[in-house]
């Protein structure tokens, strides 16, 4: 089984958030998860929901601040082991091209 999560963690503060977001992303390295950071959040793949939630908790705790905002969306398709990359490939197959307009 593969559980896929979309995570966004940030302190509620003025100015750049990159140093605090980097702390959250670095915290994921302590867990057996694969991840990809995008401009809007981080996609995380884990073997089960418990590993995903442990990683997310660590990412949340890694961010400094008086107030930290965390958003998590979980796709726990329990009858499939399809990876996030496979889901994107499926969309690309339907489109007949990569599902991105970057570089065009």
PDB file of N, CA and C in Angstrom:
ATOM      1  N   UNK A   1       0.839  -1.169   0.000  1.00  0.00           N
ATOM      2  CA  UNK A   1       0.000   0.000   0.000  1.00  0.00           C
ATOM      3  C   UNK A   1       0.887   1.236   0.000  1.00  0.00           C
ATOM      4  N   UNK A   2       0.451   2.266  -0.671  1.00  0.00           N
ATOM      5  CA  UNK A   2       1.128   3.551  -0.640  1.00  0.00           C
ATOM      6  C   UNK A   2       0.130   4.614  -0.217  1.00  0.00           C
ATOM      7  N   UNK A   3       0.514   5.413   0.735  1.00  0.00           N
ATOM      8  CA  UNK A   3      -0.295   6.540   1.173  1.00  0.00           C
ATOM      9  C   UNK A   3       0.393   7.793   0.665  1.00  0.00           C
ATOM     10  N   UNK A   4      -0.368   8.670   0.028  1.00  0.00           N
ATOM     11  CA  UNK A   4       0.179   9.906  -0.516  1.00  0.00           C
ATOM     12  C   UNK A   4      -0.427  11.076   0.245  1.00  0.00           C
ATOM     13  N   UNK A   5       0.423  11.996   0.653  1.00  0.00           N
ATOM     14  CA  UNK A   5      -0.043  13.182   1.359  1.00  0.00           C
ATOM     15  C   UNK A   5       0.459  14.435   0.678  1.00  0.00           C
ATOM     16  N   UNK A   6      -0.312  15.505   0.816  1.00  0.00           N
ATOM     17  CA  UNK A   6       0.117  16.829   0.364  1.00  0.00           C
ATOM     18  C   UNK A   6       0.212  17.686   1.611  1.00  0.00           C
ATOM     19  N   UNK A   7       1.396  18.203   1.897  1.00  0.00           N
ATOM     20  CA  UNK A   7       1.680  18.910   3.130  1.00  0.00           C
ATOM     21  C   UNK A   7       2.152  20.327   2.868  1.00  0.00           C
ATOM     22  N   UNK A   8       1.602  21.249   3.631  1.00  0.00           N
ATOM     23  CA  UNK A   8       2.085  22.626   3.635  1.00  0.00           C
ATOM     24  C   UNK A   8       2.225  23.052   5.091  1.00  0.00           C
ATOM     25  N   UNK A   9       3.437  23.413   5.487  1.00  0.00           N
ATOM     26  CA  UNK A   9       3.715  23.856   6.849  1.00  0.00           C
ATOM     27  C   UNK A   9       4.422  25.197   6.779  1.00  0.00           C
ATOM     28  N   UNK A  10       3.941  26.175   7.542  1.00  0.00           N
ATOM     29  CA  UNK A  10       4.637  27.458   7.580  1.00  0.00           C
ATOM     30  C   UNK A  10       4.288  28.215   8.844  1.00  0.00           C
ATOM     31  N   UNK A  11       5.249  29.017   9.303  1.00  0.00           N
ATOM     32  CA  UNK A  11       4.944  29.877  10.437  1.00  0.00           C
ATOM     33  C   UNK A  11       4.069  31.029   9.948  1.00  0.00           C
ATOM     34  N   UNK A  12       3.279  31.571  10.834  1.00  0.00           N
ATOM     35  CA  UNK A  12       2.493  32.755  10.494  1.00  0.00           C
ATOM     36  C   UNK A  12       3.389  33.942  10.830  1.00  0.00           C
ATOM     37  N   UNK A  13       3.984  34.523   9.782  1.00  0.00           N
ATOM     38  CA  UNK A  13       4.939  35.616   9.973  1.00  0.00           C
ATOM     39  C   UNK A  13       5.052  36.440   8.702  1.00  0.00           C
ATOM     40  N   UNK A  14       5.652  37.588   8.817  1.00  0.00           N
ATOM     41  CA  UNK A  14       5.922  38.462   7.678  1.00  0.00           C
ATOM     42  C   UNK A  14       7.223  38.017   7.007  1.00  0.00           C
ATOM     43  N   UNK A  15       7.368  38.310   5.732  1.00  0.00           N
ATOM     44  CA  UNK A  15       8.619  38.067   5.037  1.00  0.00           C
ATOM     45  C   UNK A  15       8.750  36.648   4.507  1.00  0.00           C
ATOM     46  N   UNK A  16       9.956  36.312   4.134  1.00  0.00           N
ATOM     47  CA  UNK A  16      10.239  35.018   3.528  1.00  0.00           C
ATOM     48  C   UNK A  16      10.024  33.872   4.518  1.00  0.00           C
ATOM     49  N   UNK A  17       9.451  32.792   4.012  1.00  0.00           N
ATOM     50  CA  UNK A  17       9.212  31.608   4.827  1.00  0.00           C
ATOM     51  C   UNK A  17      10.199  30.493   4.513  1.00  0.00           C
ATOM     52  N   UNK A  18      11.083  30.698   3.544  1.00  0.00           N
ATOM     53  CA  UNK A  18      11.908  29.609   3.021  1.00  0.00           C
ATOM     54  C   UNK A  18      12.770  28.929   4.074  1.00  0.00           C
ATOM     55  N   UNK A  19      13.340  29.666   5.019  1.00  0.00           N
ATOM     56  CA  UNK A  19      14.210  29.009   6.005  1.00  0.00           C
ATOM     57  C   UNK A  19      13.406  28.095   6.922  1.00  0.00           C
ATOM     58  N   UNK A  20      12.198  28.483   7.275  1.00  0.00           N
ATOM     59  CA  UNK A  20      11.357  27.640   8.126  1.00  0.00           C
ATOM     60  C   UNK A  20      10.791  26.458   7.347  1.00  0.00           C
ATOM     61  N   UNK A  21      10.405  26.682   6.094  1.00  0.00           N
ATOM     62  CA  UNK A  21       9.928  25.579   5.254  1.00  0.00           C
ATOM     63  C   UNK A  21      11.045  24.558   5.061  1.00  0.00           C
ATOM     64  N   UNK A  22      12.280  25.038   4.900  1.00  0.00           N
ATOM     65  CA  UNK A  22      13.427  24.134   4.744  1.00  0.00           C
ATOM     66  C   UNK A  22      13.594  23.252   5.981  1.00  0.00           C
ATOM     67  N   UNK A  23      13.322  23.783   7.167  1.00  0.00           N
ATOM     68  CA  UNK A  23      13.402  22.979   8.388  1.00  0.00           C
ATOM     69  C   UNK A  23      12.361  21.861   8.365  1.00  0.00           C
ATOM     70  N   UNK A  24      11.162  22.192   7.909  1.00  0.00           N
ATOM     71  CA  UNK A  24      10.094  21.185   7.832  1.00  0.00           C
ATOM     72  C   UNK A  24      10.461  20.095   6.839  1.00  0.00           C
ATOM     73  N   UNK A  25      10.974  20.481   5.680  1.00  0.00           N
ATOM     74  CA  UNK A  25      11.358  19.506   4.657  1.00  0.00           C
ATOM     75  C   UNK A  25      12.513  18.639   5.157  1.00  0.00           C
ATOM     76  N   UNK A  26      13.495  19.243   5.805  1.00  0.00           N
ATOM     77  CA  UNK A  26      14.641  18.490   6.326  1.00  0.00           C
ATOM     78  C   UNK A  26      14.197  17.452   7.359  1.00  0.00           C
ATOM     79  N   UNK A  27      13.163  17.753   8.124  1.00  0.00           N
ATOM     80  CA  UNK A  27      12.669  16.812   9.133  1.00  0.00           C
ATOM     81  C   UNK A  27      12.155  15.522   8.508  1.00  0.00           C
ATOM     82  N   UNK A  28      11.711  15.586   7.261  1.00  0.00           N
ATOM     83  CA  UNK A  28      11.201  14.390   6.577  1.00  0.00           C
ATOM     84  C   UNK A  28      12.295  13.358   6.330  1.00  0.00           C
ATOM     85  N   UNK A  29      13.548  13.808   6.291  1.00  0.00           N
ATOM     86  CA  UNK A  29      14.669  12.899   6.022  1.00  0.00           C
ATOM     87  C   UNK A  29      14.845  11.833   7.107  1.00  0.00           C
ATOM     88  N   UNK A  30      14.265  12.053   8.277  1.00  0.00           N
ATOM     89  CA  UNK A  30      14.387  11.094   9.375  1.00  0.00           C
ATOM     90  C   UNK A  30      13.370   9.954   9.285  1.00  0.00           C
ATOM     91  N   UNK A  31      12.565   9.943   8.227  1.00  0.00           N
ATOM     92  CA  UNK A  31      11.500   8.950   8.091  1.00  0.00           C
ATOM     93  C   UNK A  31      11.625   8.220   6.759  1.00  0.00           C
ATOM     94  N   UNK A  32      11.022   7.053   6.692  1.00  0.00           N
ATOM     95  CA  UNK A  32      11.055   6.263   5.463  1.00  0.00           C
ATOM     96  C   UNK A  32       9.922   6.707   4.547  1.00  0.00           C
ATOM     97  N   UNK A  33      10.082   7.921   4.009  1.00  0.00           N
ATOM     98  CA  UNK A  33       9.111   8.492   3.079  1.00  0.00           C
ATOM     99  C   UNK A  33       9.859   9.052   1.881  1.00  0.00           C
ATOM    100  N   UNK A  34       9.174   9.084   0.757  1.00  0.00           N
ATOM    101  CA  UNK A  34       9.682   9.789  -0.415  1.00  0.00           C
ATOM    102  C   UNK A  34       8.927  11.099  -0.476  1.00  0.00           C
ATOM    103  N   UNK A  35       9.589  12.158  -0.925  1.00  0.00           N
ATOM    104  CA  UNK A  35       8.889  13.427  -1.008  1.00  0.00           C
ATOM    105  C   UNK A  35       9.421  14.282  -2.153  1.00  0.00           C
ATOM    106  N   UNK A  36       8.568  15.201  -2.577  1.00  0.00           N
ATOM    107  CA  UNK A  36       8.919  16.170  -3.605  1.00  0.00           C
ATOM    108  C   UNK A  36       8.321  17.500  -3.188  1.00  0.00           C
ATOM    109  N   UNK A  37       9.174  18.512  -3.070  1.00  0.00           N
ATOM    110  CA  UNK A  37       8.710  19.834  -2.681  1.00  0.00           C
ATOM    111  C   UNK A  37       8.367  20.639  -3.926  1.00  0.00           C
ATOM    112  N   UNK A  38       7.206  21.276  -3.884  1.00  0.00           N
ATOM    113  CA  UNK A  38       6.725  22.127  -4.967  1.00  0.00           C
ATOM    114  C   UNK A  38       6.563  23.546  -4.413  1.00  0.00           C
ATOM    115  N   UNK A  39       6.255  24.525  -5.249  1.00  0.00           N
ATOM    116  CA  UNK A  39       6.075  25.891  -4.739  1.00  0.00           C
ATOM    117  C   UNK A  39       4.922  26.024  -3.730  1.00  0.00           C
ATOM    118  N   UNK A  40       3.966  25.126  -3.772  1.00  0.00           N
ATOM    119  CA  UNK A  40       2.782  25.233  -2.919  1.00  0.00           C
ATOM    120  C   UNK A  40       2.771  24.254  -1.743  1.00  0.00           C
ATOM    121  N   UNK A  41       3.696  23.310  -1.711  1.00  0.00           N
ATOM    122  CA  UNK A  41       3.709  22.324  -0.635  1.00  0.00           C
ATOM    123  C   UNK A  41       4.584  21.150  -1.002  1.00  0.00           C
ATOM    124  N   UNK A  42       4.524  20.116  -0.198  1.00  0.00           N
ATOM    125  CA  UNK A  42       5.354  18.932  -0.398  1.00  0.00           C
ATOM    126  C   UNK A  42       4.478  17.699  -0.517  1.00  0.00           C
ATOM    127  N   UNK A  43       4.723  16.910  -1.550  1.00  0.00           N
ATOM    128  CA  UNK A  43       4.027  15.649  -1.758  1.00  0.00           C
ATOM    129  C   UNK A  43       4.861  14.570  -1.072  1.00  0.00           C
ATOM    130  N   UNK A  44       4.216  13.783  -0.234  1.00  0.00           N
ATOM    131  CA  UNK A  44       4.911  12.756   0.548  1.00  0.00           C
ATOM    132  C   UNK A  44       4.283  11.400   0.266  1.00  0.00           C
ATOM    133  N   UNK A  45       5.121  10.384   0.051  1.00  0.00           N
ATOM    134  CA  UNK A  45       4.648   9.006  -0.103  1.00  0.00           C
ATOM    135  C   UNK A  45       5.220   8.166   1.029  1.00  0.00           C
ATOM    136  N   UNK A  46       4.352   7.382   1.648  1.00  0.00           N
ATOM    137  CA  UNK A  46       4.769   6.508   2.742  1.00  0.00           C
ATOM    138  C   UNK A  46       4.118   5.148   2.576  1.00  0.00           C
ATOM    139  N   UNK A  47       4.662   4.154   3.234  1.00  0.00           N
ATOM    140  CA  UNK A  47       4.109   2.808   3.153  1.00  0.00           C
ATOM    141  C   UNK A  47       2.757   2.711   3.846  1.00  0.00           C
ATOM    142  N   UNK A  48       2.565   3.517   4.893  1.00  0.00           N
ATOM    143  CA  UNK A  48       1.281   3.477   5.599  1.00  0.00           C
ATOM    144  C   UNK A  48       0.999   4.839   6.233  1.00  0.00           C
ATOM    145  N   UNK A  49      -0.216   5.000   6.681  1.00  0.00           N
ATOM    146  CA  UNK A  49      -0.648   6.289   7.220  1.00  0.00           C
ATOM    147  C   UNK A  49       0.091   6.633   8.512  1.00  0.00           C
ATOM    148  N   UNK A  50       0.498   5.640   9.278  1.00  0.00           N
ATOM    149  CA  UNK A  50       1.206   5.921  10.525  1.00  0.00           C
ATOM    150  C   UNK A  50       2.574   6.556  10.259  1.00  0.00           C
ATOM    151  N   UNK A  51       3.298   6.038   9.271  1.00  0.00           N
ATOM    152  CA  UNK A  51       4.597   6.621   8.917  1.00  0.00           C
ATOM    153  C   UNK A  51       4.402   8.035   8.362  1.00  0.00           C
ATOM    154  N   UNK A  52       3.370   8.227   7.537  1.00  0.00           N
ATOM    155  CA  UNK A  52       3.076   9.550   6.984  1.00  0.00           C
ATOM    156  C   UNK A  52       2.792  10.543   8.102  1.00  0.00           C
ATOM    157  N   UNK A  53       1.941  10.171   9.040  1.00  0.00           N
ATOM    158  CA  UNK A  53       1.576  11.087  10.120  1.00  0.00           C
ATOM    159  C   UNK A  53       2.750  11.375  11.054  1.00  0.00           C
ATOM    160  N   UNK A  54       3.615  10.400  11.265  1.00  0.00           N
ATOM    161  CA  UNK A  54       4.812  10.639  12.075  1.00  0.00           C
ATOM    162  C   UNK A  54       5.712  11.665  11.401  1.00  0.00           C
ATOM    163  N   UNK A  55       5.898  11.524  10.103  1.00  0.00           N
ATOM    164  CA  UNK A  55       6.732  12.463   9.347  1.00  0.00           C
ATOM    165  C   UNK A  55       6.125  13.862   9.350  1.00  0.00           C
ATOM    166  N   UNK A  56       4.819  13.928   9.169  1.00  0.00           N
ATOM    167  CA  UNK A  56       4.134  15.226   9.162  1.00  0.00           C
ATOM    168  C   UNK A  56       4.256  15.899  10.529  1.00  0.00           C
ATOM    169  N   UNK A  57       4.090  15.130  11.590  1.00  0.00           N
ATOM    170  CA  UNK A  57       4.243  15.690  12.933  1.00  0.00           C
ATOM    171  C   UNK A  57       5.628  16.269  13.154  1.00  0.00           C
ATOM    172  N   UNK A  58       6.641  15.563  12.688  1.00  0.00           N
ATOM    173  CA  UNK A  58       8.018  16.050  12.827  1.00  0.00           C
ATOM    174  C   UNK A  58       8.236  17.319  12.012  1.00  0.00           C
ATOM    175  N   UNK A  59       7.678  17.363  10.809  1.00  0.00           N
ATOM    176  CA  UNK A  59       7.800  18.560   9.972  1.00  0.00           C
ATOM    177  C   UNK A  59       7.141  19.755  10.648  1.00  0.00           C
ATOM    178  N   UNK A  60       5.977  19.540  11.219  1.00  0.00           N
ATOM    179  CA  UNK A  60       5.260  20.609  11.921  1.00  0.00           C
ATOM    180  C   UNK A  60       6.087  21.116  13.110  1.00  0.00           C
ATOM    181  N   UNK A  61       6.617  20.197  13.891  1.00  0.00           N
ATOM    182  CA  UNK A  61       7.388  20.563  15.082  1.00  0.00           C
ATOM    183  C   UNK A  61       8.712  21.250  14.732  1.00  0.00           C
ATOM    184  N   UNK A  62       9.242  21.006  13.543  1.00  0.00           N
ATOM    185  CA  UNK A  62      10.532  21.576  13.149  1.00  0.00           C
ATOM    186  C   UNK A  62      10.465  23.072  12.868  1.00  0.00           C
ATOM    187  N   UNK A  63       9.273  23.585  12.619  1.00  0.00           N
ATOM    188  CA  UNK A  63       9.107  24.999  12.270  1.00  0.00           C
ATOM    189  C   UNK A  63       9.007  25.836  13.546  1.00  0.00           C
ATOM    190  N   UNK A  64       9.836  26.892  13.603  1.00  0.00           N
ATOM    191  CA  UNK A  64       9.819  27.803  14.748  1.00  0.00           C
ATOM    192  C   UNK A  64       8.740  28.863  14.546  1.00  0.00           C
ATOM    193  N   UNK A  65       8.225  29.346  15.631  1.00  0.00           N
ATOM    194  CA  UNK A  65       7.272  30.447  15.563  1.00  0.00           C
ATOM    195  C   UNK A  65       6.244  30.363  16.662  1.00  0.00           C
ATOM    196  N   UNK A  66       5.634  31.495  16.947  1.00  0.00           N
ATOM    197  CA  UNK A  66       4.567  31.541  17.942  1.00  0.00           C
ATOM    198  C   UNK A  66       3.306  30.875  17.421  1.00  0.00           C
ATOM    199  N   UNK A  67       3.178  30.830  16.100  1.00  0.00           N
ATOM    200  CA  UNK A  67       2.016  30.214  15.463  1.00  0.00           C
ATOM    201  C   UNK A  67       2.471  29.535  14.180  1.00  0.00           C
ATOM    202  N   UNK A  68       2.107  28.269  14.015  1.00  0.00           N
ATOM    203  CA  UNK A  68       2.484  27.492  12.835  1.00  0.00           C
ATOM    204  C   UNK A  68       1.213  26.940  12.202  1.00  0.00           C
ATOM    205  N   UNK A  69       1.082  27.146  10.903  1.00  0.00           N
ATOM    206  CA  UNK A  69      -0.079  26.663  10.168  1.00  0.00           C
ATOM    207  C   UNK A  69       0.321  25.445   9.342  1.00  0.00           C
ATOM    208  N   UNK A  70      -0.423  24.345   9.508  1.00  0.00           N
ATOM    209  CA  UNK A  70      -0.140  23.114   8.778  1.00  0.00           C
ATOM    210  C   UNK A  70      -1.403  22.638   8.079  1.00  0.00           C
ATOM    211  N   UNK A  71      -1.258  22.337   6.794  1.00  0.00           N
ATOM    212  CA  UNK A  71      -2.347  21.796   5.980  1.00  0.00           C
ATOM    213  C   UNK A  71      -1.900  20.430   5.495  1.00  0.00           C
ATOM    214  N   UNK A  72      -2.755  19.419   5.645  1.00  0.00           N
ATOM    215  CA  UNK A  72      -2.426  18.065   5.187  1.00  0.00           C
ATOM    216  C   UNK A  72      -3.630  17.469   4.485  1.00  0.00           C
ATOM    217  N   UNK A  73      -3.405  16.957   3.298  1.00  0.00           N
ATOM    218  CA  UNK A  73      -4.417  16.209   2.559  1.00  0.00           C
ATOM    219  C   UNK A  73      -3.846  14.807   2.349  1.00  0.00           C
ATOM    220  N   UNK A  74      -4.646  13.776   2.637  1.00  0.00           N
ATOM    221  CA  UNK A  74      -4.174  12.392   2.546  1.00  0.00           C
ATOM    222  C   UNK A  74      -5.004  11.617   1.531  1.00  0.00           C
ATOM    223  N   UNK A  75      -4.310  10.882   0.659  1.00  0.00           N
ATOM    224  CA  UNK A  75      -4.944   9.936  -0.267  1.00  0.00           C
ATOM    225  C   UNK A  75      -4.495   8.546   0.175  1.00  0.00           C
ATOM    226  N   UNK A  76      -5.387   7.829   0.830  1.00  0.00           N
ATOM    227  CA  UNK A  76      -5.088   6.497   1.363  1.00  0.00           C
ATOM    228  C   UNK A  76      -5.918   5.478   0.583  1.00  0.00           C
ATOM    229  N   UNK A  77      -5.489   5.189  -0.645  1.00  0.00           N
ATOM    230  CA  UNK A  77      -6.190   4.214  -1.480  1.00  0.00           C
ATOM    231  C   UNK A  77      -5.710   2.824  -1.066  1.00  0.00           C
ATOM    232  N   UNK A  78      -6.482   2.183  -0.262  1.00  0.00           N
ATOM    233  CA  UNK A  78      -6.050   0.961   0.417  1.00  0.00           C
ATOM    234  C   UNK A  78      -5.998  -0.276  -0.456  1.00  0.00           C
ATOM    235  N   UNK A  79      -6.507  -0.204  -1.666  1.00  0.00           N
ATOM    236  CA  UNK A  79      -6.499  -1.363  -2.562  1.00  0.00           C
ATOM    237  C   UNK A  79      -5.473  -1.213  -3.678  1.00  0.00           C
ATOM    238  N   UNK A  80      -4.581  -0.230  -3.568  1.00  0.00           N
ATOM    239  CA  UNK A  80      -3.629   0.030  -4.641  1.00  0.00           C
ATOM    240  C   UNK A  80      -2.272   0.418  -4.065  1.00  0.00           C
ATOM    241  N   UNK A  81      -1.231   0.113  -4.821  1.00  0.00           N
ATOM    242  CA  UNK A  81       0.119   0.543  -4.448  1.00  0.00           C
ATOM    243  C   UNK A  81       0.653   1.559  -5.451  1.00  0.00           C
ATOM    244  N   UNK A  82      -0.240   2.175  -6.226  1.00  0.00           N
ATOM    245  CA  UNK A  82       0.160   3.139  -7.249  1.00  0.00           C
ATOM    246  C   UNK A  82       0.853   4.342  -6.615  1.00  0.00           C
ATOM    247  N   UNK A  83       2.009   4.692  -7.150  1.00  0.00           N
ATOM    248  CA  UNK A  83       2.780   5.816  -6.624  1.00  0.00           C
ATOM    249  C   UNK A  83       2.255   7.133  -7.177  1.00  0.00           C
ATOM    250  N   UNK A  84       2.705   8.219  -6.573  1.00  0.00           N
ATOM    251  CA  UNK A  84       2.347   9.550  -7.066  1.00  0.00           C
ATOM    252  C   UNK A  84       2.842   9.723  -8.499  1.00  0.00           C
ATOM    253  N   UNK A  85       4.044   9.242  -8.785  1.00  0.00           N
ATOM    254  CA  UNK A  85       4.594   9.355 -10.141  1.00  0.00           C
ATOM    255  C   UNK A  85       3.722   8.605 -11.146  1.00  0.00           C
ATOM    256  N   UNK A  86       3.222   7.446 -10.760  1.00  0.00           N
ATOM    257  CA  UNK A  86       2.353   6.674 -11.653  1.00  0.00           C
ATOM    258  C   UNK A  86       1.046   7.417 -11.928  1.00  0.00           C
ATOM    259  N   UNK A  87       0.540   8.120 -10.934  1.00  0.00           N
ATOM    260  CA  UNK A  87      -0.682   8.907 -11.126  1.00  0.00           C
ATOM    261  C   UNK A  87      -0.441  10.024 -12.139  1.00  0.00           C
ATOM    262  N   UNK A  88       0.711  10.672 -12.037  1.00  0.00           N
ATOM    263  CA  UNK A  88       1.051  11.738 -12.981  1.00  0.00           C
ATOM    264  C   UNK A  88       1.253  11.159 -14.382  1.00  0.00           C
ATOM    265  N   UNK A  89       1.907   9.999 -14.461  1.00  0.00           N
ATOM    266  CA  UNK A  89       2.105   9.337 -15.765  1.00  0.00           C
ATOM    267  C   UNK A  89       0.768   8.991 -16.416  1.00  0.00           C
ATOM    268  N   UNK A  90      -0.201   8.579 -15.629  1.00  0.00           N
ATOM    269  CA  UNK A  90      -1.525   8.253 -16.152  1.00  0.00           C
ATOM    270  C   UNK A  90      -2.179   9.480 -16.774  1.00  0.00           C
ATOM    271  N   UNK A  91      -2.048  10.623 -16.120  1.00  0.00           N
ATOM    272  CA  UNK A  91      -2.581  11.869 -16.680  1.00  0.00           C
ATOM    273  C   UNK A  91      -1.830  12.231 -17.964  1.00  0.00           C
ATOM    274  N   UNK A  92      -0.504  12.059 -17.971  1.00  0.00           N
ATOM    275  CA  UNK A  92       0.294  12.343 -19.164  1.00  0.00           C
ATOM    276  C   UNK A  92      -0.143  11.459 -20.327  1.00  0.00           C
ATOM    277  N   UNK A  93      -0.426  10.194 -20.049  1.00  0.00           N
ATOM    278  CA  UNK A  93      -0.895   9.288 -21.104  1.00  0.00           C
ATOM    279  C   UNK A  93      -2.204   9.783 -21.694  1.00  0.00           C
ATOM    280  N   UNK A  94      -3.110  10.242 -20.850  1.00  0.00           N
ATOM    281  CA  UNK A  94      -4.398  10.757 -21.327  1.00  0.00           C
ATOM    282  C   UNK A  94      -4.216  12.026 -22.151  1.00  0.00           C
ATOM    283  N   UNK A  95      -3.292  12.886 -21.730  1.00  0.00           N
ATOM    284  CA  UNK A  95      -3.032  14.132 -22.445  1.00  0.00           C
ATOM    285  C   UNK A  95      -2.230  13.911 -23.726  1.00  0.00           C
ATOM    286  N   UNK A  96      -1.414  12.873 -23.728  1.00  0.00           N
ATOM    287  CA  UNK A  96      -0.496  12.656 -24.842  1.00  0.00           C
ATOM    288  C   UNK A  96       0.734  13.537 -24.741  1.00  0.00           C
ATOM    289  N   UNK A  97       0.988  14.054 -23.550  1.00  0.00           N
ATOM    290  CA  UNK A  97       2.149  14.928 -23.298  1.00  0.00           C
ATOM    291  C   UNK A  97       2.322  15.058 -21.789  1.00  0.00           C
ATOM    292  N   UNK A  98       3.421  15.670 -21.391  1.00  0.00           N
ATOM    293  CA  UNK A  98       3.642  15.938 -19.963  1.00  0.00           C
ATOM    294  C   UNK A  98       2.576  16.929 -19.471  1.00  0.00           C
ATOM    295  N   UNK A  99       2.066  16.739 -18.270  1.00  0.00           N
ATOM    296  CA  UNK A  99       1.029  17.637 -17.757  1.00  0.00           C
ATOM    297  C   UNK A  99       1.620  18.908 -17.144  1.00  0.00           C
ATOM    298  N   UNK A 100       2.369  19.636 -17.962  1.00  0.00           N
ATOM    299  CA  UNK A 100       3.016  20.871 -17.510  1.00  0.00           C
ATOM    300  C   UNK A 100       3.179  21.808 -18.703  1.00  0.00           C
ATOM    301  N   UNK A 101       3.029  23.081 -18.469  1.00  0.00           N
ATOM    302  CA  UNK A 101       3.274  24.048 -19.537  1.00  0.00           C
ATOM    303  C   UNK A 101       4.610  24.754 -19.333  1.00  0.00           C
ATOM    304  N   UNK A 102       5.387  24.349 -18.323  1.00  0.00           N
ATOM    305  CA  UNK A 102       6.671  24.956 -18.034  1.00  0.00           C
ATOM    306  C   UNK A 102       7.598  24.831 -19.230  1.00  0.00           C
ATOM    307  N   UNK A 103       8.239  25.903 -19.559  1.00  0.00           N
ATOM    308  CA  UNK A 103       9.211  25.888 -20.647  1.00  0.00           C
ATOM    309  C   UNK A 103       8.612  26.018 -22.028  1.00  0.00           C
ATOM    310  N   UNK A 104       7.309  26.188 -22.111  1.00  0.00           N
ATOM    311  CA  UNK A 104       6.690  26.319 -23.446  1.00  0.00           C
ATOM    312  C   UNK A 104       6.724  27.758 -23.909  1.00  0.00           C
TER     313      UNK A 104
END
